[in-house]
């Protein structure tokens, strides 16, 4: 009986540890780490939109943990233009590779950053 109870408790703890992580309720100001990650995929983002950026600054971000971390970043690209960039960073044990997922063009400063 005690062994069954112990197994049940361990299963509850295990299940709690692997509950889906919800999105941050509000976008956070971009950190130096987020800027560095964004810099690492700048050429891919530029290729995706078909132009090079004179300015490329992360402003806000949202993360979601899924087999690594999905980032959704609002970036300023100059001339009152913004883009929303989604990319994935694998966990360290998986090589922590950063992969561009999508780029949304035509964004403005006051456009909400909504994880999608």
PDB file of N, CA and C in Angstrom:
ATOM      1  N   UNK A   1       0.824  -1.195   0.000  1.00  0.00           N
ATOM      2  CA  UNK A   1       0.000   0.000   0.000  1.00  0.00           C
ATOM      3  C   UNK A   1       0.865   1.255   0.000  1.00  0.00           C
ATOM      4  N   UNK A   2       1.937   1.256   0.834  1.00  0.00           N
ATOM      5  CA  UNK A   2       2.809   2.421   0.871  1.00  0.00           C
ATOM      6  C   UNK A   2       3.534   2.593  -0.455  1.00  0.00           C
ATOM      7  N   UNK A   3       3.925   1.491  -1.083  1.00  0.00           N
ATOM      8  CA  UNK A   3       4.615   1.574  -2.364  1.00  0.00           C
ATOM      9  C   UNK A   3       3.694   2.182  -3.418  1.00  0.00           C
ATOM     10  N   UNK A   4       2.429   1.785  -3.429  1.00  0.00           N
ATOM     11  CA  UNK A   4       1.473   2.344  -4.382  1.00  0.00           C
ATOM     12  C   UNK A   4       1.300   3.839  -4.150  1.00  0.00           C
ATOM     13  N   UNK A   5       1.255   4.238  -2.902  1.00  0.00           N
ATOM     14  CA  UNK A   5       1.116   5.665  -2.567  1.00  0.00           C
ATOM     15  C   UNK A   5       2.348   6.439  -3.030  1.00  0.00           C
ATOM     16  N   UNK A   6       3.518   5.871  -2.816  1.00  0.00           N
ATOM     17  CA  UNK A   6       4.768   6.507  -3.230  1.00  0.00           C
ATOM     18  C   UNK A   6       4.810   6.652  -4.756  1.00  0.00           C
ATOM     19  N   UNK A   7       4.421   5.590  -5.458  1.00  0.00           N
ATOM     20  CA  UNK A   7       4.393   5.647  -6.924  1.00  0.00           C
ATOM     21  C   UNK A   7       3.410   6.717  -7.384  1.00  0.00           C
ATOM     22  N   UNK A   8       2.263   6.809  -6.756  1.00  0.00           N
ATOM     23  CA  UNK A   8       1.263   7.809  -7.106  1.00  0.00           C
ATOM     24  C   UNK A   8       1.824   9.217  -6.913  1.00  0.00           C
ATOM     25  N   UNK A   9       2.500   9.464  -5.811  1.00  0.00           N
ATOM     26  CA  UNK A   9       3.078  10.780  -5.532  1.00  0.00           C
ATOM     27  C   UNK A   9       4.151  11.118  -6.567  1.00  0.00           C
ATOM     28  N   UNK A  10       4.990  10.147  -6.882  1.00  0.00           N
ATOM     29  CA  UNK A  10       6.038  10.380  -7.880  1.00  0.00           C
ATOM     30  C   UNK A  10       5.402  10.701  -9.235  1.00  0.00           C
ATOM     31  N   UNK A  11       4.364   9.986  -9.610  1.00  0.00           N
ATOM     32  CA  UNK A  11       3.677  10.254 -10.879  1.00  0.00           C
ATOM     33  C   UNK A  11       3.050  11.643 -10.893  1.00  0.00           C
ATOM     34  N   UNK A  12       2.477  12.063  -9.777  1.00  0.00           N
ATOM     35  CA  UNK A  12       1.912  13.416  -9.697  1.00  0.00           C
ATOM     36  C   UNK A  12       2.988  14.477  -9.878  1.00  0.00           C
ATOM     37  N   UNK A  13       4.112  14.285  -9.225  1.00  0.00           N
ATOM     38  CA  UNK A  13       5.216  15.245  -9.351  1.00  0.00           C
ATOM     39  C   UNK A  13       5.713  15.264 -10.786  1.00  0.00           C
ATOM     40  N   UNK A  14       5.878  14.095 -11.388  1.00  0.00           N
ATOM     41  CA  UNK A  14       6.342  13.991 -12.771  1.00  0.00           C
ATOM     42  C   UNK A  14       5.356  14.673 -13.725  1.00  0.00           C
ATOM     43  N   UNK A  15       4.078  14.422 -13.540  1.00  0.00           N
ATOM     44  CA  UNK A  15       3.050  15.015 -14.397  1.00  0.00           C
ATOM     45  C   UNK A  15       3.041  16.534 -14.260  1.00  0.00           C
ATOM     46  N   UNK A  16       3.214  17.028 -13.051  1.00  0.00           N
ATOM     47  CA  UNK A  16       3.236  18.478 -12.813  1.00  0.00           C
ATOM     48  C   UNK A  16       4.425  19.119 -13.511  1.00  0.00           C
ATOM     49  N   UNK A  17       5.554  18.439 -13.510  1.00  0.00           N
ATOM     50  CA  UNK A  17       6.769  18.986 -14.123  1.00  0.00           C
ATOM     51  C   UNK A  17       6.636  19.098 -15.636  1.00  0.00           C
ATOM     52  N   UNK A  18       5.776  18.292 -16.245  1.00  0.00           N
ATOM     53  CA  UNK A  18       5.654  18.306 -17.692  1.00  0.00           C
ATOM     54  C   UNK A  18       4.339  18.894 -18.181  1.00  0.00           C
ATOM     55  N   UNK A  19       3.716  19.739 -17.379  1.00  0.00           N
ATOM     56  CA  UNK A  19       2.527  20.443 -17.819  1.00  0.00           C
ATOM     57  C   UNK A  19       2.933  21.448 -18.896  1.00  0.00           C
ATOM     58  N   UNK A  20       2.085  21.690 -19.878  1.00  0.00           N
ATOM     59  CA  UNK A  20       2.420  22.677 -20.900  1.00  0.00           C
ATOM     60  C   UNK A  20       2.677  24.035 -20.249  1.00  0.00           C
ATOM     61  N   UNK A  21       3.668  24.729 -20.765  1.00  0.00           N
ATOM     62  CA  UNK A  21       4.004  26.048 -20.254  1.00  0.00           C
ATOM     63  C   UNK A  21       3.159  27.065 -21.012  1.00  0.00           C
ATOM     64  N   UNK A  22       2.476  27.914 -20.297  1.00  0.00           N
ATOM     65  CA  UNK A  22       1.646  28.906 -20.970  1.00  0.00           C
ATOM     66  C   UNK A  22       2.514  30.062 -21.454  1.00  0.00           C
ATOM     67  N   UNK A  23       1.989  30.791 -22.396  1.00  0.00           N
ATOM     68  CA  UNK A  23       2.690  31.952 -22.914  1.00  0.00           C
ATOM     69  C   UNK A  23       2.759  33.027 -21.853  1.00  0.00           C
ATOM     70  N   UNK A  24       3.748  33.885 -21.978  1.00  0.00           N
ATOM     71  CA  UNK A  24       3.798  35.015 -21.071  1.00  0.00           C
ATOM     72  C   UNK A  24       2.572  35.873 -21.366  1.00  0.00           C
ATOM     73  N   UNK A  25       1.966  36.396 -20.327  1.00  0.00           N
ATOM     74  CA  UNK A  25       0.743  37.166 -20.525  1.00  0.00           C
ATOM     75  C   UNK A  25       1.016  38.491 -21.219  1.00  0.00           C
ATOM     76  N   UNK A  26       2.191  39.031 -21.012  1.00  0.00           N
ATOM     77  CA  UNK A  26       2.545  40.309 -21.630  1.00  0.00           C
ATOM     78  C   UNK A  26       3.928  40.197 -22.261  1.00  0.00           C
ATOM     79  N   UNK A  27       4.122  40.801 -23.416  1.00  0.00           N
ATOM     80  CA  UNK A  27       5.468  40.837 -23.981  1.00  0.00           C
ATOM     81  C   UNK A  27       6.425  41.531 -23.022  1.00  0.00           C
ATOM     82  N   UNK A  28       7.659  41.086 -23.043  1.00  0.00           N
ATOM     83  CA  UNK A  28       8.701  41.628 -22.178  1.00  0.00           C
ATOM     84  C   UNK A  28       9.658  42.476 -23.007  1.00  0.00           C
ATOM     85  N   UNK A  29      10.284  43.491 -22.392  1.00  0.00           N
ATOM     86  CA  UNK A  29      11.312  44.238 -23.123  1.00  0.00           C
ATOM     87  C   UNK A  29      12.434  43.282 -23.532  1.00  0.00           C
ATOM     88  N   UNK A  30      12.948  43.464 -24.729  1.00  0.00           N
ATOM     89  CA  UNK A  30      14.000  42.591 -25.235  1.00  0.00           C
ATOM     90  C   UNK A  30      15.254  42.700 -24.374  1.00  0.00           C
ATOM     91  N   UNK A  31      15.908  41.577 -24.196  1.00  0.00           N
ATOM     92  CA  UNK A  31      17.136  41.511 -23.416  1.00  0.00           C
ATOM     93  C   UNK A  31      18.331  41.446 -24.375  1.00  0.00           C
ATOM     94  N   UNK A  32      19.509  41.546 -23.812  1.00  0.00           N
ATOM     95  CA  UNK A  32      20.730  41.417 -24.605  1.00  0.00           C
ATOM     96  C   UNK A  32      20.795  40.031 -25.254  1.00  0.00           C
ATOM     97  N   UNK A  33      20.364  39.008 -24.527  1.00  0.00           N
ATOM     98  CA  UNK A  33      20.363  37.650 -25.069  1.00  0.00           C
ATOM     99  C   UNK A  33      19.439  37.538 -26.276  1.00  0.00           C
ATOM    100  N   UNK A  34      18.244  38.136 -26.192  1.00  0.00           N
ATOM    101  CA  UNK A  34      17.298  38.092 -27.308  1.00  0.00           C
ATOM    102  C   UNK A  34      17.892  38.813 -28.514  1.00  0.00           C
ATOM    103  N   UNK A  35      18.543  39.962 -28.285  1.00  0.00           N
ATOM    104  CA  UNK A  35      19.173  40.697 -29.385  1.00  0.00           C
ATOM    105  C   UNK A  35      20.262  39.849 -30.041  1.00  0.00           C
ATOM    106  N   UNK A  36      21.055  39.171 -29.231  1.00  0.00           N
ATOM    107  CA  UNK A  36      22.119  38.320 -29.785  1.00  0.00           C
ATOM    108  C   UNK A  36      21.540  37.176 -30.627  1.00  0.00           C
ATOM    109  N   UNK A  37      20.461  36.576 -30.147  1.00  0.00           N
ATOM    110  CA  UNK A  37      19.816  35.509 -30.917  1.00  0.00           C
ATOM    111  C   UNK A  37      19.272  36.052 -32.236  1.00  0.00           C
ATOM    112  N   UNK A  38      18.639  37.223 -32.173  1.00  0.00           N
ATOM    113  CA  UNK A  38      18.096  37.855 -33.379  1.00  0.00           C
ATOM    114  C   UNK A  38      19.222  38.206 -34.346  1.00  0.00           C
ATOM    115  N   UNK A  39      20.341  38.707 -33.831  1.00  0.00           N
ATOM    116  CA  UNK A  39      21.490  39.025 -34.679  1.00  0.00           C
ATOM    117  C   UNK A  39      21.985  37.788 -35.426  1.00  0.00           C
ATOM    118  N   UNK A  40      21.916  36.649 -34.758  1.00  0.00           N
ATOM    119  CA  UNK A  40      22.402  35.409 -35.348  1.00  0.00           C
ATOM    120  C   UNK A  40      21.616  34.943 -36.560  1.00  0.00           C
ATOM    121  N   UNK A  41      20.388  35.432 -36.717  1.00  0.00           N
ATOM    122  CA  UNK A  41      19.569  35.032 -37.868  1.00  0.00           C
ATOM    123  C   UNK A  41      19.247  36.223 -38.771  1.00  0.00           C
ATOM    124  N   UNK A  42      19.978  37.323 -38.617  1.00  0.00           N
ATOM    125  CA  UNK A  42      19.690  38.532 -39.390  1.00  0.00           C
ATOM    126  C   UNK A  42      19.728  38.283 -40.890  1.00  0.00           C
ATOM    127  N   UNK A  43      20.737  37.585 -41.379  1.00  0.00           N
ATOM    128  CA  UNK A  43      20.833  37.367 -42.828  1.00  0.00           C
ATOM    129  C   UNK A  43      19.640  36.550 -43.342  1.00  0.00           C
ATOM    130  N   UNK A  44      19.172  35.589 -42.552  1.00  0.00           N
ATOM    131  CA  UNK A  44      18.000  34.801 -42.959  1.00  0.00           C
ATOM    132  C   UNK A  44      16.737  35.660 -42.973  1.00  0.00           C
ATOM    133  N   UNK A  45      16.605  36.547 -41.987  1.00  0.00           N
ATOM    134  CA  UNK A  45      15.447  37.433 -41.934  1.00  0.00           C
ATOM    135  C   UNK A  45      15.479  38.386 -43.125  1.00  0.00           C
ATOM    136  N   UNK A  46      16.645  38.961 -43.414  1.00  0.00           N
ATOM    137  CA  UNK A  46      16.775  39.873 -44.556  1.00  0.00           C
ATOM    138  C   UNK A  46      16.448  39.159 -45.862  1.00  0.00           C
ATOM    139  N   UNK A  47      16.926  37.933 -45.997  1.00  0.00           N
ATOM    140  CA  UNK A  47      16.631  37.155 -47.198  1.00  0.00           C
ATOM    141  C   UNK A  47      15.125  36.887 -47.310  1.00  0.00           C
ATOM    142  N   UNK A  48      14.488  36.621 -46.172  1.00  0.00           N
ATOM    143  CA  UNK A  48      13.055  36.337 -46.152  1.00  0.00           C
ATOM    144  C   UNK A  48      12.229  37.535 -46.631  1.00  0.00           C
ATOM    145  N   UNK A  49      12.658  38.749 -46.257  1.00  0.00           N
ATOM    146  CA  UNK A  49      11.891  39.948 -46.645  1.00  0.00           C
ATOM    147  C   UNK A  49      12.432  40.593 -47.913  1.00  0.00           C
ATOM    148  N   UNK A  50      13.597  40.146 -48.375  1.00  0.00           N
ATOM    149  CA  UNK A  50      14.138  40.654 -49.627  1.00  0.00           C
ATOM    150  C   UNK A  50      14.831  42.003 -49.538  1.00  0.00           C
ATOM    151  N   UNK A  51      15.320  42.367 -48.361  1.00  0.00           N
ATOM    152  CA  UNK A  51      16.083  43.615 -48.237  1.00  0.00           C
ATOM    153  C   UNK A  51      16.997  43.557 -47.018  1.00  0.00           C
ATOM    154  N   UNK A  52      18.025  44.405 -47.044  1.00  0.00           N
ATOM    155  CA  UNK A  52      18.950  44.484 -45.918  1.00  0.00           C
ATOM    156  C   UNK A  52      18.519  45.623 -44.999  1.00  0.00           C
ATOM    157  N   UNK A  53      18.820  45.475 -43.707  1.00  0.00           N
ATOM    158  CA  UNK A  53      18.419  46.461 -42.712  1.00  0.00           C
ATOM    159  C   UNK A  53      19.625  47.281 -42.264  1.00  0.00           C
ATOM    160  N   UNK A  54      19.433  48.604 -42.182  1.00  0.00           N
ATOM    161  CA  UNK A  54      20.453  49.474 -41.583  1.00  0.00           C
ATOM    162  C   UNK A  54      20.342  49.407 -40.071  1.00  0.00           C
ATOM    163  N   UNK A  55      19.109  49.211 -39.598  1.00  0.00           N
ATOM    164  CA  UNK A  55      18.811  49.112 -38.165  1.00  0.00           C
ATOM    165  C   UNK A  55      18.129  47.776 -37.953  1.00  0.00           C
ATOM    166  N   UNK A  56      18.467  47.101 -36.844  1.00  0.00           N
ATOM    167  CA  UNK A  56      17.899  45.770 -36.574  1.00  0.00           C
ATOM    168  C   UNK A  56      17.928  45.576 -35.067  1.00  0.00           C
ATOM    169  N   UNK A  57      16.874  46.069 -34.401  1.00  0.00           N
ATOM    170  CA  UNK A  57      16.874  46.124 -32.942  1.00  0.00           C
ATOM    171  C   UNK A  57      15.653  45.402 -32.382  1.00  0.00           C
ATOM    172  N   UNK A  58      15.904  44.431 -31.510  1.00  0.00           N
ATOM    173  CA  UNK A  58      14.823  43.733 -30.813  1.00  0.00           C
ATOM    174  C   UNK A  58      14.212  44.676 -29.787  1.00  0.00           C
ATOM    175  N   UNK A  59      12.894  44.806 -29.794  1.00  0.00           N
ATOM    176  CA  UNK A  59      12.204  45.695 -28.855  1.00  0.00           C
ATOM    177  C   UNK A  59      11.441  44.924 -27.776  1.00  0.00           C
ATOM    178  N   UNK A  60      10.636  43.946 -28.184  1.00  0.00           N
ATOM    179  CA  UNK A  60       9.817  43.150 -27.261  1.00  0.00           C
ATOM    180  C   UNK A  60       9.919  41.690 -27.660  1.00  0.00           C
ATOM    181  N   UNK A  61       9.607  40.809 -26.692  1.00  0.00           N
ATOM    182  CA  UNK A  61       9.596  39.394 -27.036  1.00  0.00           C
ATOM    183  C   UNK A  61       8.656  38.615 -26.126  1.00  0.00           C
ATOM    184  N   UNK A  62       8.246  37.464 -26.653  1.00  0.00           N
ATOM    185  CA  UNK A  62       7.439  36.486 -25.929  1.00  0.00           C
ATOM    186  C   UNK A  62       8.139  35.146 -26.155  1.00  0.00           C
ATOM    187  N   UNK A  63       8.130  34.273 -25.151  1.00  0.00           N
ATOM    188  CA  UNK A  63       8.691  32.940 -25.345  1.00  0.00           C
ATOM    189  C   UNK A  63       7.653  31.876 -25.026  1.00  0.00           C
ATOM    190  N   UNK A  64       7.899  30.694 -25.578  1.00  0.00           N
ATOM    191  CA  UNK A  64       7.063  29.524 -25.340  1.00  0.00           C
ATOM    192  C   UNK A  64       7.997  28.319 -25.366  1.00  0.00           C
ATOM    193  N   UNK A  65       7.942  27.501 -24.326  1.00  0.00           N
ATOM    194  CA  UNK A  65       8.817  26.344 -24.236  1.00  0.00           C
ATOM    195  C   UNK A  65       8.166  25.150 -24.921  1.00  0.00           C
ATOM    196  N   UNK A  66       8.827  24.644 -25.963  1.00  0.00           N
ATOM    197  CA  UNK A  66       8.382  23.464 -26.716  1.00  0.00           C
ATOM    198  C   UNK A  66       9.617  22.805 -27.312  1.00  0.00           C
ATOM    199  N   UNK A  67      10.099  21.733 -26.736  1.00  0.00           N
ATOM    200  CA  UNK A  67      11.303  21.057 -27.240  1.00  0.00           C
ATOM    201  C   UNK A  67      12.420  22.055 -27.508  1.00  0.00           C
ATOM    202  N   UNK A  68      12.526  23.019 -26.661  1.00  0.00           N
ATOM    203  CA  UNK A  68      13.420  24.157 -26.808  1.00  0.00           C
ATOM    204  C   UNK A  68      12.605  25.391 -26.481  1.00  0.00           C
ATOM    205  N   UNK A  69      12.965  26.522 -27.043  1.00  0.00           N
ATOM    206  CA  UNK A  69      12.219  27.755 -26.774  1.00  0.00           C
ATOM    207  C   UNK A  69      11.864  28.433 -28.091  1.00  0.00           C
ATOM    208  N   UNK A  70      10.573  28.699 -28.288  1.00  0.00           N
ATOM    209  CA  UNK A  70      10.126  29.521 -29.407  1.00  0.00           C
ATOM    210  C   UNK A  70      10.164  30.965 -28.948  1.00  0.00           C
ATOM    211  N   UNK A  71      10.743  31.822 -29.765  1.00  0.00           N
ATOM    212  CA  UNK A  71      10.776  33.258 -29.498  1.00  0.00           C
ATOM    213  C   UNK A  71       9.921  33.958 -30.539  1.00  0.00           C
ATOM    214  N   UNK A  72       9.175  34.948 -30.110  1.00  0.00           N
ATOM    215  CA  UNK A  72       8.415  35.802 -31.012  1.00  0.00           C
ATOM    216  C   UNK A  72       8.839  37.215 -30.660  1.00  0.00           C
ATOM    217  N   UNK A  73       9.527  37.889 -31.594  1.00  0.00           N
ATOM    218  CA  UNK A  73      10.198  39.146 -31.303  1.00  0.00           C
ATOM    219  C   UNK A  73       9.676  40.258 -32.196  1.00  0.00           C
ATOM    220  N   UNK A  74       9.411  41.417 -31.588  1.00  0.00           N
ATOM    221  CA  UNK A  74       9.117  42.628 -32.356  1.00  0.00           C
ATOM    222  C   UNK A  74      10.445  43.327 -32.573  1.00  0.00           C
ATOM    223  N   UNK A  75      10.802  43.524 -33.852  1.00  0.00           N
ATOM    224  CA  UNK A  75      12.068  44.160 -34.173  1.00  0.00           C
ATOM    225  C   UNK A  75      11.862  45.457 -34.933  1.00  0.00           C
ATOM    226  N   UNK A  76      12.653  46.457 -34.590  1.00  0.00           N
ATOM    227  CA  UNK A  76      12.633  47.744 -35.290  1.00  0.00           C
ATOM    228  C   UNK A  76      13.668  47.691 -36.406  1.00  0.00           C
ATOM    229  N   UNK A  77      13.259  48.051 -37.648  1.00  0.00           N
ATOM    230  CA  UNK A  77      14.170  47.992 -38.784  1.00  0.00           C
ATOM    231  C   UNK A  77      14.372  49.362 -39.429  1.00  0.00           C
ATOM    232  N   UNK A  78      14.032  50.425 -38.718  1.00  0.00           N
ATOM    233  CA  UNK A  78      14.253  51.781 -39.219  1.00  0.00           C
ATOM    234  C   UNK A  78      13.053  52.361 -39.937  1.00  0.00           C
ATOM    235  N   UNK A  79      13.059  53.680 -40.088  1.00  0.00           N
ATOM    236  CA  UNK A  79      11.998  54.406 -40.815  1.00  0.00           C
ATOM    237  C   UNK A  79      10.597  54.076 -40.310  1.00  0.00           C
ATOM    238  N   UNK A  80      10.440  53.985 -39.010  1.00  0.00           N
ATOM    239  CA  UNK A  80       9.153  53.658 -38.385  1.00  0.00           C
ATOM    240  C   UNK A  80       8.587  52.316 -38.834  1.00  0.00           C
ATOM    241  N   UNK A  81       9.457  51.395 -39.248  1.00  0.00           N
ATOM    242  CA  UNK A  81       9.029  50.062 -39.690  1.00  0.00           C
ATOM    243  C   UNK A  81       9.438  49.025 -38.658  1.00  0.00           C
ATOM    244  N   UNK A  82       8.549  48.059 -38.477  1.00  0.00           N
ATOM    245  CA  UNK A  82       8.780  46.955 -37.542  1.00  0.00           C
ATOM    246  C   UNK A  82       8.489  45.646 -38.239  1.00  0.00           C
ATOM    247  N   UNK A  83       9.071  44.586 -37.723  1.00  0.00           N
ATOM    248  CA  UNK A  83       8.770  43.229 -38.163  1.00  0.00           C
ATOM    249  C   UNK A  83       8.547  42.374 -36.925  1.00  0.00           C
ATOM    250  N   UNK A  84       7.822  41.303 -37.090  1.00  0.00           N
ATOM    251  CA  UNK A  84       7.677  40.304 -36.029  1.00  0.00           C
ATOM    252  C   UNK A  84       8.373  39.048 -36.529  1.00  0.00           C
ATOM    253  N   UNK A  85       9.313  38.561 -35.735  1.00  0.00           N
ATOM    254  CA  UNK A  85      10.138  37.425 -36.130  1.00  0.00           C
ATOM    255  C   UNK A  85       9.916  36.287 -35.138  1.00  0.00           C
ATOM    256  N   UNK A  86       9.613  35.131 -35.671  1.00  0.00           N
ATOM    257  CA  UNK A  86       9.475  33.938 -34.832  1.00  0.00           C
ATOM    258  C   UNK A  86      10.627  33.000 -35.160  1.00  0.00           C
ATOM    259  N   UNK A  87      11.310  32.530 -34.110  1.00  0.00           N
ATOM    260  CA  UNK A  87      12.384  31.563 -34.305  1.00  0.00           C
ATOM    261  C   UNK A  87      12.430  30.610 -33.138  1.00  0.00           C
ATOM    262  N   UNK A  88      13.121  29.511 -33.339  1.00  0.00           N
ATOM    263  CA  UNK A  88      13.200  28.450 -32.341  1.00  0.00           C
ATOM    264  C   UNK A  88      14.651  28.233 -31.950  1.00  0.00           C
ATOM    265  N   UNK A  89      14.889  28.103 -30.656  1.00  0.00           N
ATOM    266  CA  UNK A  89      16.224  27.777 -30.145  1.00  0.00           C
ATOM    267  C   UNK A  89      16.115  26.457 -29.410  1.00  0.00           C
ATOM    268  N   UNK A  90      16.849  25.463 -29.890  1.00  0.00           N
ATOM    269  CA  UNK A  90      16.825  24.144 -29.265  1.00  0.00           C
ATOM    270  C   UNK A  90      17.482  24.174 -27.899  1.00  0.00           C
ATOM    271  N   UNK A  91      17.134  23.190 -27.071  1.00  0.00           N
ATOM    272  CA  UNK A  91      17.782  23.054 -25.774  1.00  0.00           C
ATOM    273  C   UNK A  91      19.262  22.755 -25.977  1.00  0.00           C
ATOM    274  N   UNK A  92      20.079  23.097 -24.996  1.00  0.00           N
ATOM    275  CA  UNK A  92      21.530  22.909 -25.090  1.00  0.00           C
ATOM    276  C   UNK A  92      21.894  21.476 -25.434  1.00  0.00           C
ATOM    277  N   UNK A  93      21.211  20.494 -24.837  1.00  0.00           N
ATOM    278  CA  UNK A  93      21.553  19.091 -25.103  1.00  0.00           C
ATOM    279  C   UNK A  93      21.231  18.706 -26.537  1.00  0.00           C
ATOM    280  N   UNK A  94      20.393  19.493 -27.205  1.00  0.00           N
ATOM    281  CA  UNK A  94      20.047  19.217 -28.601  1.00  0.00           C
ATOM    282  C   UNK A  94      20.858  20.087 -29.557  1.00  0.00           C
ATOM    283  N   UNK A  95      21.884  20.770 -29.046  1.00  0.00           N
ATOM    284  CA  UNK A  95      22.747  21.577 -29.897  1.00  0.00           C
ATOM    285  C   UNK A  95      22.424  23.058 -29.890  1.00  0.00           C
ATOM    286  N   UNK A  96      21.375  23.458 -29.227  1.00  0.00           N
ATOM    287  CA  UNK A  96      20.914  24.847 -29.100  1.00  0.00           C
ATOM    288  C   UNK A  96      20.959  25.627 -30.408  1.00  0.00           C
ATOM    289  N   UNK A  97      20.595  24.968 -31.478  1.00  0.00           N
ATOM    290  CA  UNK A  97      20.546  25.591 -32.794  1.00  0.00           C
ATOM    291  C   UNK A  97      19.379  26.576 -32.873  1.00  0.00           C
ATOM    292  N   UNK A  98      19.584  27.711 -33.549  1.00  0.00           N
ATOM    293  CA  UNK A  98      18.529  28.706 -33.732  1.00  0.00           C
ATOM    294  C   UNK A  98      18.031  28.608 -35.170  1.00  0.00           C
ATOM    295  N   UNK A  99      16.701  28.457 -35.308  1.00  0.00           N
ATOM    296  CA  UNK A  99      16.093  28.268 -36.611  1.00  0.00           C
ATOM    297  C   UNK A  99      14.978  29.289 -36.825  1.00  0.00           C
ATOM    298  N   UNK A 100      15.048  30.033 -37.921  1.00  0.00           N
ATOM    299  CA  UNK A 100      13.997  30.990 -38.272  1.00  0.00           C
ATOM    300  C   UNK A 100      12.731  30.238 -38.640  1.00  0.00           C
ATOM    301  N   UNK A 101      11.595  30.698 -38.107  1.00  0.00           N
ATOM    302  CA  UNK A 101      10.311  30.068 -38.411  1.00  0.00           C
ATOM    303  C   UNK A 101       9.502  30.941 -39.368  1.00  0.00           C
ATOM    304  N   UNK A 102       9.202  32.184 -38.950  1.00  0.00           N
ATOM    305  CA  UNK A 102       8.422  33.092 -39.807  1.00  0.00           C
ATOM    306  C   UNK A 102       8.847  34.536 -39.574  1.00  0.00           C
ATOM    307  N   UNK A 103       8.539  35.369 -40.563  1.00  0.00           N
ATOM    308  CA  UNK A 103       8.739  36.816 -40.451  1.00  0.00           C
ATOM    309  C   UNK A 103       7.459  37.488 -40.931  1.00  0.00           C
ATOM    310  N   UNK A 104       6.935  38.397 -40.123  1.00  0.00           N
ATOM    311  CA  UNK A 104       5.758  39.171 -40.511  1.00  0.00           C
ATOM    312  C   UNK A 104       6.210  40.602 -40.768  1.00  0.00           C
ATOM    313  N   UNK A 105       6.002  41.075 -41.979  1.00  0.00           N
ATOM    314  CA  UNK A 105       6.396  42.430 -42.354  1.00  0.00           C
ATOM    315  C   UNK A 105       5.236  43.404 -42.168  1.00  0.00           C
ATOM    316  N   UNK A 106       5.535  44.693 -42.395  1.00  0.00           N
ATOM    317  CA  UNK A 106       4.489  45.717 -42.382  1.00  0.00           C
ATOM    318  C   UNK A 106       3.936  46.019 -41.006  1.00  0.00           C
ATOM    319  N   UNK A 107       4.697  45.773 -39.976  1.00  0.00           N
ATOM    320  CA  UNK A 107       4.240  46.027 -38.611  1.00  0.00           C
ATOM    321  C   UNK A 107       4.589  47.454 -38.205  1.00  0.00           C
ATOM    322  N   UNK A 108       3.836  47.954 -37.233  1.00  0.00           N
ATOM    323  CA  UNK A 108       4.054  49.304 -36.704  1.00  0.00           C
ATOM    324  C   UNK A 108       4.381  49.208 -35.221  1.00  0.00           C
ATOM    325  N   UNK A 109       4.882  50.292 -34.675  1.00  0.00           N
ATOM    326  CA  UNK A 109       5.282  50.305 -33.266  1.00  0.00           C
ATOM    327  C   UNK A 109       4.138  49.912 -32.342  1.00  0.00           C
ATOM    328  N   UNK A 110       2.925  50.357 -32.652  1.00  0.00           N
ATOM    329  CA  UNK A 110       1.805  50.083 -31.750  1.00  0.00           C
ATOM    330  C   UNK A 110       1.064  48.780 -32.060  1.00  0.00           C
ATOM    331  N   UNK A 111       1.529  48.011 -33.046  1.00  0.00           N
ATOM    332  CA  UNK A 111       0.928  46.703 -33.312  1.00  0.00           C
ATOM    333  C   UNK A 111       1.255  45.762 -32.142  1.00  0.00           C
ATOM    334  N   UNK A 112       0.241  45.070 -31.668  1.00  0.00           N
ATOM    335  CA  UNK A 112       0.444  44.123 -30.571  1.00  0.00           C
ATOM    336  C   UNK A 112       1.331  42.978 -31.027  1.00  0.00           C
ATOM    337  N   UNK A 113       2.206  42.561 -30.127  1.00  0.00           N
ATOM    338  CA  UNK A 113       3.024  41.372 -30.363  1.00  0.00           C
ATOM    339  C   UNK A 113       2.239  40.192 -29.805  1.00  0.00           C
ATOM    340  N   UNK A 114       1.655  39.423 -30.708  1.00  0.00           N
ATOM    341  CA  UNK A 114       0.831  38.290 -30.315  1.00  0.00           C
ATOM    342  C   UNK A 114       1.486  37.033 -30.828  1.00  0.00           C
ATOM    343  N   UNK A 115       1.752  36.119 -29.936  1.00  0.00           N
ATOM    344  CA  UNK A 115       2.404  34.874 -30.323  1.00  0.00           C
ATOM    345  C   UNK A 115       1.513  34.120 -31.280  1.00  0.00           C
ATOM    346  N   UNK A 116       2.069  33.795 -32.442  1.00  0.00           N
ATOM    347  CA  UNK A 116       1.295  33.026 -33.424  1.00  0.00           C
ATOM    348  C   UNK A 116       2.211  32.137 -34.223  1.00  0.00           C
TER     349      UNK A 116
END
